[in-house]
């Protein structure tokens, strides 16, 4: 396993059965890092295009860019 927190988060997401993850779930990949630092790392991953946001309107989740078509999923929710 990599020592790089970004790589650990991405690998953790890839290993999960779900496609969307809460921020608190992502923190499980790097339990030794404080939440504010983890938030910064997750935001960097989004800015780099390695993760993307998914929002239901009240909840923000994170997913891999290759996971599903978010627009189709959102249309199906309405």
Protein backbone atom coordinates (compact mmCIF):
# COMPACT_ATOMS: atom_id res chain seq x y z
CA UNK A 1 0.00 0.00 0.00
CA UNK A 2 1.20 3.46 -0.86
CA UNK A 3 2.25 6.00 1.76
CA UNK A 4 0.67 8.77 -0.34
CA UNK A 5 -2.72 9.65 1.21
CA UNK A 6 -4.16 10.53 -2.22
CA UNK A 7 -3.27 7.11 -3.60
CA UNK A 8 -4.64 5.38 -0.51
CA UNK A 9 -7.98 7.18 -0.85
CA UNK A 10 -8.24 6.33 -4.56
CA UNK A 11 -7.35 2.68 -3.93
CA UNK A 12 -9.87 2.49 -1.08
CA UNK A 13 -12.64 3.88 -3.34
CA UNK A 14 -11.75 1.40 -6.09
CA UNK A 15 -12.06 -1.52 -3.66
CA UNK A 16 -15.55 -0.60 -2.45
CA UNK A 17 -18.75 -2.10 -3.84
CA UNK A 18 -20.58 1.23 -3.75
CA UNK A 19 -19.89 3.88 -6.36
CA UNK A 20 -20.68 6.92 -4.18
CA UNK A 21 -19.03 7.65 -0.85
CA UNK A 22 -19.56 10.10 1.98
CA UNK A 23 -16.57 12.18 3.05
CA UNK A 24 -16.48 10.34 6.39
CA UNK A 25 -16.16 7.07 4.48
CA UNK A 26 -13.16 8.40 2.56
CA UNK A 27 -11.51 9.27 5.87
CA UNK A 28 -11.41 5.54 6.69
CA UNK A 29 -8.68 5.18 4.06
CA UNK A 30 -6.41 7.54 6.02
CA UNK A 31 -7.42 7.22 9.69
CA UNK A 32 -4.18 8.78 10.97
CA UNK A 33 -4.89 12.08 9.19
CA UNK A 34 -6.99 14.79 10.83
CA UNK A 35 -10.32 15.57 9.19
CA UNK A 36 -9.33 19.06 7.96
CA UNK A 37 -6.22 17.67 6.26
CA UNK A 38 -8.30 14.84 4.75
CA UNK A 39 -10.77 17.41 3.40
CA UNK A 40 -7.91 19.28 1.74
CA UNK A 41 -6.62 16.06 0.17
CA UNK A 42 -10.08 15.05 -1.09
CA UNK A 43 -10.60 18.54 -2.57
CA UNK A 44 -7.22 18.24 -4.32
CA UNK A 45 -8.32 14.90 -5.79
CA UNK A 46 -11.49 16.55 -7.10
CA UNK A 47 -9.50 19.46 -8.56
CA UNK A 48 -7.16 16.97 -10.24
CA UNK A 49 -10.15 15.13 -11.74
CA UNK A 50 -9.39 11.90 -9.88
CA UNK A 51 -12.62 12.13 -7.87
CA UNK A 52 -15.82 13.98 -8.62
CA UNK A 53 -18.71 15.32 -6.59
CA UNK A 54 -22.18 13.87 -6.66
CA UNK A 55 -24.95 15.75 -4.91
CA UNK A 56 -28.52 14.84 -4.14
CA UNK A 57 -29.21 18.45 -3.22
CA UNK A 58 -28.83 17.89 0.49
CA UNK A 59 -25.87 15.51 0.55
CA UNK A 60 -22.54 15.66 -1.22
CA UNK A 61 -20.80 12.42 -2.01
CA UNK A 62 -17.67 11.53 -3.93
CA UNK A 63 -17.07 9.05 -6.72
CA UNK A 64 -14.55 8.07 -9.35
CA UNK A 65 -15.02 9.95 -12.63
CA UNK A 66 -15.37 6.61 -14.43
CA UNK A 67 -18.32 5.54 -12.26
CA UNK A 68 -21.62 5.91 -14.07
CA UNK A 69 -23.27 8.83 -15.77
CA UNK A 70 -24.21 11.28 -13.02
CA UNK A 71 -26.59 13.26 -15.23
CA UNK A 72 -28.63 10.15 -16.06
CA UNK A 73 -28.73 9.17 -12.39
CA UNK A 74 -29.89 12.64 -11.37
CA UNK A 75 -32.64 12.66 -14.01
CA UNK A 76 -33.83 9.31 -12.69
CA UNK A 77 -34.14 10.75 -9.20
CA UNK A 78 -36.56 13.50 -10.22
